[in-house]
Amino acid sequence: MAVVYIAFGVIFFALGAAGTVLPLIPTTPFIVLAAVCFGKSSPKLHTWCISTSFYQNNVKSFVKKREMTVKSKVILLSTVTIVMGLSFLILSLLHVTIVAGAVLIVIWLCHILYFGFIVKTDKAQKRKPACSAKS
């Protein structure tokens, strides 16, 4: 069964990688599916994946509490905006139909709405305690 999960993980990862350069192919869902497949293929691989700094800094709070820090949201939405903008530019240079551009804009707006307004924002930031004044 592990071989099947690894095979699907490779396929989903390849589709996600293709989605980074090809317009209208989603990247994130395929990368998430690849991570799930790789995680289920091996407990060691799963442990390694959740111990990476990327997971700890960007994904852990979303998985556990369904919330993200402001910094994570800004990074995610900035990246999505840049990638979608480049995809839109490529579509317009290739004179692809207006429907494809409209679909891309709808996908971008859904990202903005979901991560900007639906996913809760983690307001508890790690701050150094203020110096207490001694009387």
C-alpha atoms as a PDB file:
ATOM      1  CA  MET A   1       0.000   0.000   0.000  1.00  0.00           C
ATOM      2  CA  ALA A   2       2.911   2.359   0.700  1.00  0.00           C
ATOM      3  CA  VAL A   3       4.014   2.072  -2.937  1.00  0.00           C
ATOM      4  CA  VAL A   4       0.559   3.192  -4.111  1.00  0.00           C
ATOM      5  CA  TYR A   5       0.677   6.250  -1.833  1.00  0.00           C
ATOM      6  CA  ILE A   6       4.182   7.115  -3.055  1.00  0.00           C
ATOM      7  CA  ALA A   7       3.094   6.735  -6.690  1.00  0.00           C
ATOM      8  CA  PHE A   8       0.090   9.015  -6.185  1.00  0.00           C
ATOM      9  CA  GLY A   9       2.290  11.437  -4.250  1.00  0.00           C
ATOM     10  CA  VAL A  10       4.696  11.681  -7.179  1.00  0.00           C
ATOM     11  CA  ILE A  11       1.828  12.166  -9.654  1.00  0.00           C
ATOM     12  CA  PHE A  12       0.177  14.882  -7.526  1.00  0.00           C
ATOM     13  CA  PHE A  13       3.516  16.602  -6.935  1.00  0.00           C
ATOM     14  CA  ALA A  14       4.227  16.633 -10.688  1.00  0.00           C
ATOM     15  CA  LEU A  15       0.788  18.120 -11.382  1.00  0.00           C
ATOM     16  CA  GLY A  16       1.351  20.746  -8.687  1.00  0.00           C
ATOM     17  CA  ALA A  17       4.768  21.605 -10.101  1.00  0.00           C
ATOM     18  CA  ALA A  18       3.238  21.937 -13.569  1.00  0.00           C
ATOM     19  CA  GLY A  19       0.613  24.232 -12.080  1.00  0.00           C
ATOM     20  CA  THR A  20       3.280  26.722 -11.029  1.00  0.00           C
ATOM     21  CA  VAL A  21       4.038  27.521 -14.665  1.00  0.00           C
ATOM     22  CA  LEU A  22       0.885  26.550 -16.539  1.00  0.00           C
ATOM     23  CA  PRO A  23      -2.150  28.794 -16.196  1.00  0.00           C
ATOM     24  CA  LEU A  24      -5.417  27.291 -14.921  1.00  0.00           C
ATOM     25  CA  ILE A  25      -3.785  24.215 -13.370  1.00  0.00           C
ATOM     26  CA  PRO A  26      -4.094  24.593  -9.596  1.00  0.00           C
ATOM     27  CA  THR A  27      -0.899  24.159  -7.619  1.00  0.00           C
ATOM     28  CA  THR A  28      -1.923  24.120  -3.976  1.00  0.00           C
ATOM     29  CA  PRO A  29      -4.478  21.283  -4.016  1.00  0.00           C
ATOM     30  CA  PHE A  30      -2.082  18.970  -5.836  1.00  0.00           C
ATOM     31  CA  ILE A  31       0.802  19.778  -3.476  1.00  0.00           C
ATOM     32  CA  VAL A  32      -1.452  19.193  -0.466  1.00  0.00           C
ATOM     33  CA  LEU A  33      -2.607  15.865  -1.926  1.00  0.00           C
ATOM     34  CA  ALA A  34       1.020  14.918  -2.564  1.00  0.00           C
ATOM     35  CA  ALA A  35       1.921  15.731   1.046  1.00  0.00           C
ATOM     36  CA  VAL A  36      -0.987  13.628   2.326  1.00  0.00           C
ATOM     37  CA  CYS A  37       0.006  10.692   0.120  1.00  0.00           C
ATOM     38  CA  PHE A  38       3.676  10.918   1.103  1.00  0.00           C
ATOM     39  CA  GLY A  39       2.696  11.243   4.763  1.00  0.00           C
ATOM     40  CA  LYS A  40       0.518   8.128   4.616  1.00  0.00           C
ATOM     41  CA  SER A  41       3.200   6.164   2.780  1.00  0.00           C
ATOM     42  CA  SER A  42       5.672   6.242   5.642  1.00  0.00           C
ATOM     43  CA  PRO A  43       5.519   7.255   9.316  1.00  0.00           C
ATOM     44  CA  LYS A  44       9.162   8.391   9.051  1.00  0.00           C
ATOM     45  CA  LEU A  45       8.353  10.652   6.125  1.00  0.00           C
ATOM     46  CA  HIS A  46       5.337  12.077   7.964  1.00  0.00           C
ATOM     47  CA  THR A  47       7.452  12.790  11.047  1.00  0.00           C
ATOM     48  CA  TRP A  48      10.090  14.491   8.924  1.00  0.00           C
ATOM     49  CA  CYS A  49       7.481  16.573   7.096  1.00  0.00           C
ATOM     50  CA  ILE A  50       5.861  17.931  10.257  1.00  0.00           C
ATOM     51  CA  SER A  51       9.255  18.678  11.797  1.00  0.00           C
ATOM     52  CA  THR A  52      10.380  21.006   8.980  1.00  0.00           C
ATOM     53  CA  SER A  53      10.545  24.707   9.740  1.00  0.00           C
ATOM     54  CA  PHE A  54       8.166  25.442   6.848  1.00  0.00           C
ATOM     55  CA  TYR A  55       5.484  23.255   8.425  1.00  0.00           C
ATOM     56  CA  GLN A  56       6.130  24.594  11.918  1.00  0.00           C
ATOM     57  CA  ASN A  57       6.053  28.254  10.839  1.00  0.00           C
ATOM     58  CA  ASN A  58       3.283  28.210   8.244  1.00  0.00           C
ATOM     59  CA  VAL A  59       1.067  25.146   8.439  1.00  0.00           C
ATOM     60  CA  LYS A  60       0.989  23.858  12.018  1.00  0.00           C
ATOM     61  CA  SER A  61      -1.310  26.535  13.467  1.00  0.00           C
ATOM     62  CA  PHE A  62      -3.676  26.176  10.513  1.00  0.00           C
ATOM     63  CA  VAL A  63      -3.868  22.393  10.908  1.00  0.00           C
ATOM     64  CA  LYS A  64      -4.311  22.463  14.690  1.00  0.00           C
ATOM     65  CA  LYS A  65      -6.408  25.584  15.261  1.00  0.00           C
ATOM     66  CA  ARG A  66      -7.644  26.526  11.768  1.00  0.00           C
ATOM     67  CA  GLU A  67      -5.940  29.901  12.044  1.00  0.00           C
ATOM     68  CA  MET A  68      -2.882  31.628  10.579  1.00  0.00           C
ATOM     69  CA  THR A  69      -0.621  34.417  11.728  1.00  0.00           C
ATOM     70  CA  VAL A  70      -0.808  37.771   9.979  1.00  0.00           C
ATOM     71  CA  LYS A  71       2.684  37.176   8.583  1.00  0.00           C
ATOM     72  CA  SER A  72       1.683  33.786   7.111  1.00  0.00           C
ATOM     73  CA  LYS A  73      -1.438  35.290   5.544  1.00  0.00           C
ATOM     74  CA  VAL A  74       0.522  38.179   4.015  1.00  0.00           C
ATOM     75  CA  ILE A  75       3.172  35.827   2.586  1.00  0.00           C
ATOM     76  CA  LEU A  76       0.563  33.429   1.217  1.00  0.00           C
ATOM     77  CA  LEU A  77      -1.658  36.104  -0.329  1.00  0.00           C
ATOM     78  CA  SER A  78       1.322  38.007  -1.758  1.00  0.00           C
ATOM     79  CA  THR A  79       2.631  34.841  -3.389  1.00  0.00           C
ATOM     80  CA  VAL A  80      -0.809  33.938  -4.756  1.00  0.00           C
ATOM     81  CA  THR A  81      -1.252  37.459  -6.123  1.00  0.00           C
ATOM     82  CA  ILE A  82       2.150  37.429  -7.846  1.00  0.00           C
ATOM     83  CA  VAL A  83       1.641  33.960  -9.342  1.00  0.00           C
ATOM     84  CA  MET A  84      -1.918  34.722 -10.464  1.00  0.00           C
ATOM     85  CA  GLY A  85      -0.771  38.055 -11.913  1.00  0.00           C
ATOM     86  CA  LEU A  86       1.985  36.362 -13.896  1.00  0.00           C
ATOM     87  CA  SER A  87      -0.474  33.723 -15.093  1.00  0.00           C
ATOM     88  CA  PHE A  88      -2.916  36.435 -16.153  1.00  0.00           C
ATOM     89  CA  LEU A  89      -0.099  38.222 -18.010  1.00  0.00           C
ATOM     90  CA  ILE A  90       0.875  35.005 -19.808  1.00  0.00           C
ATOM     91  CA  LEU A  91      -2.761  34.388 -20.741  1.00  0.00           C
ATOM     92  CA  SER A  92      -3.084  37.883 -22.186  1.00  0.00           C
ATOM     93  CA  LEU A  93       0.202  37.588 -24.126  1.00  0.00           C
ATOM     94  CA  LEU A  94      -0.950  34.281 -25.600  1.00  0.00           C
ATOM     95  CA  HIS A  95      -4.329  35.822 -26.480  1.00  0.00           C
ATOM     96  CA  VAL A  96      -6.180  33.086 -24.620  1.00  0.00           C
ATOM     97  CA  THR A  97      -9.942  33.538 -24.329  1.00  0.00           C
ATOM     98  CA  ILE A  98     -11.378  36.038 -21.915  1.00  0.00           C
ATOM     99  CA  VAL A  99     -13.136  33.177 -20.106  1.00  0.00           C
ATOM    100  CA  ALA A 100      -9.763  31.753 -18.997  1.00  0.00           C
ATOM    101  CA  GLY A 101      -8.768  35.160 -17.603  1.00  0.00           C
ATOM    102  CA  ALA A 102     -12.095  35.455 -15.810  1.00  0.00           C
ATOM    103  CA  VAL A 103     -11.651  32.001 -14.253  1.00  0.00           C
ATOM    104  CA  LEU A 104      -8.183  33.023 -13.057  1.00  0.00           C
ATOM    105  CA  ILE A 105      -9.584  36.193 -11.488  1.00  0.00           C
ATOM    106  CA  VAL A 106     -12.343  34.220  -9.736  1.00  0.00           C
ATOM    107  CA  ILE A 107      -9.763  31.764  -8.342  1.00  0.00           C
ATOM    108  CA  TRP A 108      -7.638  34.691  -7.103  1.00  0.00           C
ATOM    109  CA  LEU A 109     -10.654  36.348  -5.457  1.00  0.00           C
ATOM    110  CA  CYS A 110     -11.579  33.058  -3.760  1.00  0.00           C
ATOM    111  CA  HIS A 111      -8.053  32.875  -2.294  1.00  0.00           C
ATOM    112  CA  ILE A 112      -8.339  36.461  -1.038  1.00  0.00           C
ATOM    113  CA  LEU A 113     -11.776  35.882   0.476  1.00  0.00           C
ATOM    114  CA  TYR A 114     -10.938  32.544   2.092  1.00  0.00           C
ATOM    115  CA  PHE A 115      -7.524  33.318   3.561  1.00  0.00           C
ATOM    116  CA  GLY A 116      -8.183  37.005   4.150  1.00  0.00           C
ATOM    117  CA  PHE A 117     -11.616  36.818   5.740  1.00  0.00           C
ATOM    118  CA  ILE A 118     -12.674  33.252   6.546  1.00  0.00           C
ATOM    119  CA  VAL A 119      -9.521  31.748   8.065  1.00  0.00           C
ATOM    120  CA  LYS A 120      -9.126  33.145  11.577  1.00  0.00           C
ATOM    121  CA  THR A 121      -6.119  35.311  12.337  1.00  0.00           C
ATOM    122  CA  ASP A 122      -3.872  34.208  15.207  1.00  0.00           C
ATOM    123  CA  LYS A 123      -3.597  37.367  17.281  1.00  0.00           C
ATOM    124  CA  ALA A 124      -1.397  35.830  19.969  1.00  0.00           C
ATOM    125  CA  GLN A 125       2.040  36.788  18.778  1.00  0.00           C
ATOM    126  CA  LYS A 126       5.213  35.887  20.557  1.00  0.00           C
ATOM    127  CA  ARG A 127       6.255  39.140  22.187  1.00  0.00           C
ATOM    128  CA  LYS A 128       8.932  39.846  24.692  1.00  0.00           C
ATOM    129  CA  PRO A 129       7.374  40.735  28.019  1.00  0.00           C
ATOM    130  CA  ALA A 130       7.474  44.424  28.802  1.00  0.00           C
ATOM    131  CA  CYS A 131       9.986  45.465  31.424  1.00  0.00           C
ATOM    132  CA  SER A 132       8.186  45.626  34.690  1.00  0.00           C
ATOM    133  CA  ALA A 133       8.796  48.754  36.704  1.00  0.00           C
ATOM    134  CA  LYS A 134       9.986  48.021  40.212  1.00  0.00           C
ATOM    135  CA  SER A 135       8.658  50.288  42.940  1.00  0.00           C
END
